[in-house]
N, C-alpha and C. Protein backbone atom coordinates (compact mmCIF):
# COMPACT_ATOMS: atom_id res chain seq x y z
N MET A 1 46.78 161.76 53.49
CA MET A 1 48.03 162.24 54.00
C MET A 1 48.74 163.03 52.97
N SER A 2 48.98 164.30 53.24
CA SER A 2 49.82 165.07 52.42
C SER A 2 51.32 165.06 52.61
N ILE A 3 52.06 164.99 51.54
CA ILE A 3 53.41 164.79 51.73
C ILE A 3 54.16 165.77 50.81
N LYS A 4 55.27 166.40 51.38
CA LYS A 4 55.98 167.38 50.76
C LYS A 4 57.08 166.88 50.06
N THR A 5 57.56 167.26 48.78
CA THR A 5 58.84 166.88 48.25
C THR A 5 59.34 168.10 47.30
N LYS A 6 60.61 167.91 47.01
CA LYS A 6 61.24 169.15 46.28
C LYS A 6 62.52 168.50 45.53
N ASP A 7 62.85 169.39 44.57
CA ASP A 7 64.25 169.10 44.04
C ASP A 7 64.28 167.80 43.25
N TRP A 8 63.43 167.33 42.43
CA TRP A 8 63.44 166.18 41.78
C TRP A 8 64.23 166.35 40.48
N THR A 9 65.07 165.40 40.19
CA THR A 9 66.04 165.43 39.11
C THR A 9 65.97 163.86 38.50
N ALA A 10 65.88 163.82 37.12
CA ALA A 10 66.13 162.55 36.46
C ALA A 10 67.35 162.78 35.46
N GLN A 11 68.17 161.74 35.52
CA GLN A 11 69.47 161.90 34.80
C GLN A 11 69.89 160.43 34.18
N ILE A 12 70.21 160.58 32.84
CA ILE A 12 70.88 159.42 32.07
C ILE A 12 72.11 159.68 31.97
N ASP A 13 72.94 158.71 32.55
CA ASP A 13 74.53 158.80 32.47
C ASP A 13 75.02 157.96 31.17
N ARG A 14 75.49 158.43 30.28
CA ARG A 14 76.00 157.76 29.17
C ARG A 14 77.51 157.70 29.06
N MET A 15 78.13 157.92 30.26
CA MET A 15 79.64 157.87 30.20
C MET A 15 80.10 156.27 30.02
N PRO A 16 81.19 156.04 29.12
CA PRO A 16 81.58 154.76 29.07
C PRO A 16 81.91 153.97 30.29
N GLY A 17 81.27 153.02 30.47
CA GLY A 17 81.56 152.11 31.80
C GLY A 17 80.63 152.45 32.86
N ALA A 18 79.95 153.59 32.82
CA ALA A 18 79.21 153.93 33.93
C ALA A 18 77.59 154.16 33.54
N ALA A 19 77.18 153.55 32.47
CA ALA A 19 75.96 153.73 31.84
C ALA A 19 74.86 153.46 32.88
N SER A 20 73.97 154.54 33.12
CA SER A 20 72.89 154.19 34.10
C SER A 20 71.91 155.25 34.10
N PHE A 21 70.75 155.01 34.66
CA PHE A 21 69.57 156.01 34.84
C PHE A 21 69.12 156.19 36.37
N ARG A 22 68.97 157.47 36.76
CA ARG A 22 68.74 157.63 38.15
C ARG A 22 67.83 158.79 38.24
N THR A 23 66.99 158.78 39.27
CA THR A 23 66.18 159.85 39.58
C THR A 23 66.15 160.04 41.01
N PHE A 24 66.13 161.30 41.59
CA PHE A 24 66.29 161.52 42.89
C PHE A 24 65.58 162.88 43.31
N GLY A 25 65.26 162.88 44.66
CA GLY A 25 64.59 164.22 45.07
C GLY A 25 64.74 164.21 46.62
N THR A 26 63.98 165.26 47.29
CA THR A 26 64.07 165.24 48.65
C THR A 26 62.70 165.13 49.17
N VAL A 27 62.40 164.39 50.20
CA VAL A 27 60.98 164.14 50.71
C VAL A 27 61.15 164.60 52.29
N THR A 28 60.10 165.21 52.62
CA THR A 28 59.82 165.64 54.17
C THR A 28 59.22 164.55 54.67
N VAL A 29 59.78 163.89 55.68
CA VAL A 29 59.10 162.73 56.39
C VAL A 29 58.71 163.31 57.81
N ALA A 30 57.78 162.62 58.53
CA ALA A 30 57.32 163.04 59.86
C ALA A 30 58.38 163.03 60.98
N HIS A 31 59.10 162.03 60.79
CA HIS A 31 60.40 161.92 61.96
C HIS A 31 61.39 161.01 61.36
N THR A 32 62.61 161.15 62.10
CA THR A 32 63.81 160.54 61.66
C THR A 32 63.77 159.16 61.41
N GLY A 33 62.84 158.25 61.93
CA GLY A 33 62.75 156.96 61.75
C GLY A 33 61.95 156.41 60.65
N VAL A 34 61.66 157.38 59.59
CA VAL A 34 60.97 157.19 58.38
C VAL A 34 62.06 157.08 57.34
N THR A 35 61.98 156.17 56.42
CA THR A 35 62.92 156.02 55.20
C THR A 35 62.22 156.07 53.94
N PRO A 36 62.45 157.08 53.09
CA PRO A 36 61.59 156.98 51.90
C PRO A 36 62.44 156.14 50.84
N LYS A 37 61.61 155.47 49.90
CA LYS A 37 62.21 154.46 48.93
C LYS A 37 61.34 154.77 47.62
N LEU A 38 62.00 154.61 46.46
CA LEU A 38 61.42 154.69 45.18
C LEU A 38 61.40 153.26 44.54
N GLU A 39 60.33 152.79 44.13
CA GLU A 39 60.18 151.51 43.41
C GLU A 39 59.57 151.48 42.27
N MET A 40 59.97 150.78 41.05
CA MET A 40 59.34 150.84 39.80
C MET A 40 58.03 150.01 40.22
N THR A 41 57.03 150.60 39.57
CA THR A 41 55.64 150.01 39.75
C THR A 41 55.43 148.82 38.78
N ALA A 42 54.61 147.85 39.14
CA ALA A 42 54.40 146.73 38.31
C ALA A 42 53.81 147.01 37.09
N ILE A 43 52.92 148.08 36.90
CA ILE A 43 52.23 148.41 35.71
C ILE A 43 53.11 149.65 35.08
N GLN A 44 53.68 149.43 33.84
CA GLN A 44 54.33 150.47 33.13
C GLN A 44 53.60 150.61 31.74
N ASP A 45 53.50 152.11 31.25
CA ASP A 45 52.92 152.02 29.92
C ASP A 45 53.92 151.95 28.90
N LYS A 46 53.50 151.95 27.64
CA LYS A 46 54.38 151.48 26.59
C LYS A 46 55.31 152.67 26.09
N SER A 47 55.15 153.97 26.74
CA SER A 47 55.99 154.96 26.45
C SER A 47 57.35 154.91 27.10
N PHE A 48 58.26 155.78 26.97
CA PHE A 48 59.43 155.69 27.71
C PHE A 48 59.31 156.56 29.07
N ASP A 49 57.98 156.87 29.51
CA ASP A 49 57.97 157.40 30.92
C ASP A 49 57.81 156.35 31.77
N LEU A 50 58.89 156.56 32.82
CA LEU A 50 58.99 155.60 33.96
C LEU A 50 58.07 155.87 35.09
N ARG A 51 57.29 155.02 35.44
CA ARG A 51 56.48 155.05 36.52
C ARG A 51 57.05 154.48 37.91
N LEU A 52 57.20 155.47 39.00
CA LEU A 52 57.86 154.96 40.23
C LEU A 52 56.74 155.18 41.30
N GLU A 53 56.92 154.46 42.37
CA GLU A 53 56.09 154.60 43.49
C GLU A 53 56.97 154.91 44.82
N LEU A 54 56.65 156.06 45.40
CA LEU A 54 57.31 156.31 46.65
C LEU A 54 56.79 155.75 47.80
N LYS A 55 57.42 154.95 48.59
CA LYS A 55 57.13 154.14 49.83
C LYS A 55 57.75 154.72 50.95
N LEU A 56 57.13 154.96 52.06
CA LEU A 56 57.78 155.23 53.17
C LEU A 56 57.87 154.10 54.26
N GLU A 57 58.99 153.76 54.73
CA GLU A 57 59.00 152.73 55.66
C GLU A 57 59.50 153.27 56.91
N ASN A 58 58.81 152.80 58.01
CA ASN A 58 59.07 153.01 59.42
C ASN A 58 59.88 152.26 60.07
N SER A 59 60.94 152.50 60.67
CA SER A 59 61.65 151.81 61.62
C SER A 59 61.15 151.67 63.17
N ASN A 60 61.42 150.50 63.76
CA ASN A 60 61.21 150.35 64.99
C ASN A 60 61.94 150.97 66.11
N GLU A 61 63.05 151.58 65.68
CA GLU A 61 63.91 152.25 66.63
C GLU A 61 63.44 153.57 67.11
N ILE A 62 63.95 153.92 68.11
CA ILE A 62 63.69 155.35 68.77
C ILE A 62 64.24 156.30 67.70
N SER A 63 63.35 157.43 67.45
CA SER A 63 63.87 158.38 66.51
C SER A 63 63.22 159.75 67.01
N LEU A 64 63.88 160.79 66.46
CA LEU A 64 63.42 162.11 66.80
C LEU A 64 61.89 162.49 66.23
N GLN A 65 61.09 163.08 67.05
CA GLN A 65 59.79 163.31 66.42
C GLN A 65 59.77 164.73 65.76
N VAL A 66 60.56 164.91 64.68
CA VAL A 66 60.67 166.24 64.07
C VAL A 66 60.74 165.96 62.58
N GLU A 67 59.99 166.83 61.90
CA GLU A 67 60.07 166.74 60.36
C GLU A 67 61.46 166.79 59.93
N THR A 68 61.95 165.92 59.00
CA THR A 68 63.19 165.72 58.48
C THR A 68 63.12 165.74 56.92
N ASP A 69 64.05 166.18 56.27
CA ASP A 69 64.27 166.15 54.76
C ASP A 69 65.08 165.01 54.48
N LYS A 70 64.73 164.08 53.72
CA LYS A 70 65.63 162.96 53.41
C LYS A 70 65.72 162.81 51.85
N VAL A 71 66.84 162.38 51.32
CA VAL A 71 67.02 162.49 49.83
C VAL A 71 66.55 160.93 49.46
N VAL A 72 65.90 160.76 48.38
CA VAL A 72 65.57 159.48 47.97
C VAL A 72 65.92 159.17 46.55
N GLU A 73 66.51 158.05 46.28
CA GLU A 73 66.95 157.88 44.78
C GLU A 73 66.66 156.51 44.33
N TYR A 74 66.35 156.54 43.03
CA TYR A 74 66.02 155.09 42.26
C TYR A 74 67.25 155.15 41.26
N LYS A 75 67.74 154.01 41.19
CA LYS A 75 69.01 153.97 40.03
C LYS A 75 69.02 152.57 39.54
N VAL A 76 69.15 152.48 38.08
CA VAL A 76 69.34 151.29 37.33
C VAL A 76 70.54 151.40 36.36
N LEU A 77 71.42 150.34 36.53
CA LEU A 77 72.46 150.37 35.57
C LEU A 77 72.21 149.87 34.18
N GLY A 78 72.95 150.42 33.16
CA GLY A 78 72.64 150.12 31.86
C GLY A 78 72.20 151.18 31.02
N ASP A 79 71.99 150.96 29.74
CA ASP A 79 71.48 151.99 28.71
C ASP A 79 69.90 152.35 29.03
N SER A 80 69.58 153.49 28.83
CA SER A 80 68.33 154.15 29.24
C SER A 80 67.81 154.90 28.22
N ASN A 81 66.45 154.86 27.89
CA ASN A 81 66.03 155.93 26.98
C ASN A 81 64.79 156.55 27.51
N VAL A 82 64.62 156.57 28.90
CA VAL A 82 63.64 157.38 29.75
C VAL A 82 63.38 158.78 29.28
N THR A 83 62.29 159.24 28.91
CA THR A 83 61.99 160.37 28.55
C THR A 83 61.28 161.39 29.52
N GLY A 84 60.70 160.66 30.62
CA GLY A 84 60.08 161.32 31.73
C GLY A 84 59.85 160.41 32.73
N VAL A 85 59.58 160.91 34.00
CA VAL A 85 59.36 159.99 35.36
C VAL A 85 58.23 160.50 35.94
N SER A 86 57.25 159.61 36.15
CA SER A 86 56.01 159.91 37.11
C SER A 86 56.21 159.22 38.39
N ILE A 87 56.13 160.09 39.42
CA ILE A 87 56.35 159.52 40.79
C ILE A 87 54.87 159.50 41.42
N PHE A 88 54.54 158.40 41.91
CA PHE A 88 53.27 158.22 42.55
C PHE A 88 53.36 157.88 44.02
N TYR A 89 52.31 158.34 44.79
CA TYR A 89 52.47 158.20 46.28
C TYR A 89 50.91 157.77 46.71
N GLU A 90 50.86 156.49 47.16
CA GLU A 90 49.52 155.90 47.59
C GLU A 90 48.47 155.95 46.22
N GLY A 91 49.20 155.65 45.21
CA GLY A 91 48.26 155.48 43.97
C GLY A 91 47.98 156.81 43.21
N LYS A 92 48.51 158.07 43.72
CA LYS A 92 48.11 159.34 43.13
C LYS A 92 49.43 159.92 42.76
N LEU A 93 49.39 160.68 41.64
CA LEU A 93 50.42 161.33 40.95
C LEU A 93 50.90 162.39 41.98
N LEU A 94 52.21 162.29 42.39
CA LEU A 94 52.86 163.09 43.35
C LEU A 94 53.69 164.13 42.51
N HIS A 95 54.37 163.79 41.63
CA HIS A 95 55.16 164.69 40.83
C HIS A 95 55.59 163.95 39.41
N HIS A 96 55.75 164.80 38.36
CA HIS A 96 56.25 164.42 37.15
C HIS A 96 57.31 165.13 36.62
N ILE A 97 58.42 164.42 36.21
CA ILE A 97 59.75 165.14 35.71
C ILE A 97 59.76 164.80 34.10
N ASP A 98 59.71 165.96 33.43
CA ASP A 98 59.60 165.85 32.07
C ASP A 98 60.97 166.28 31.22
N LYS A 99 61.89 166.78 32.03
CA LYS A 99 63.19 167.01 31.49
C LYS A 99 64.29 166.30 32.18
N VAL A 100 64.86 165.21 31.30
CA VAL A 100 65.75 164.35 31.67
C VAL A 100 67.02 164.89 31.33
N LEU A 101 67.94 164.99 32.33
CA LEU A 101 69.41 165.40 32.11
C LEU A 101 70.22 164.28 31.49
N ILE A 102 70.94 164.58 30.32
CA ILE A 102 71.64 163.41 29.84
C ILE A 102 73.12 163.86 29.90
N THR A 103 73.98 163.00 30.48
CA THR A 103 75.40 163.34 30.55
C THR A 103 76.22 162.47 29.81
N HIS A 104 77.24 162.86 29.28
CA HIS A 104 78.05 161.95 28.24
C HIS A 104 79.31 161.96 28.66
């Protein structure tokens, strides 16, 4: 299955009291009942490149059968030294972010 995504961003926030790391982007899903989620993979390499898996969860509720753009986000509180993010879907590399925005 092919999947469309866009506008990926990775950010380290080093503001006092708000230290966190987050990455987010937009995923085009098949219908409004699909919710995209990002999860850290069980296997991480020894670099500071974070591996995330994109999962699509279907609800059993009635939904519009139209392609829909939905924002997906992964966030962790605390200090971070992430230098890049690799996003996988069904075991295949979907997108790589190599520029991490750092806010102070």
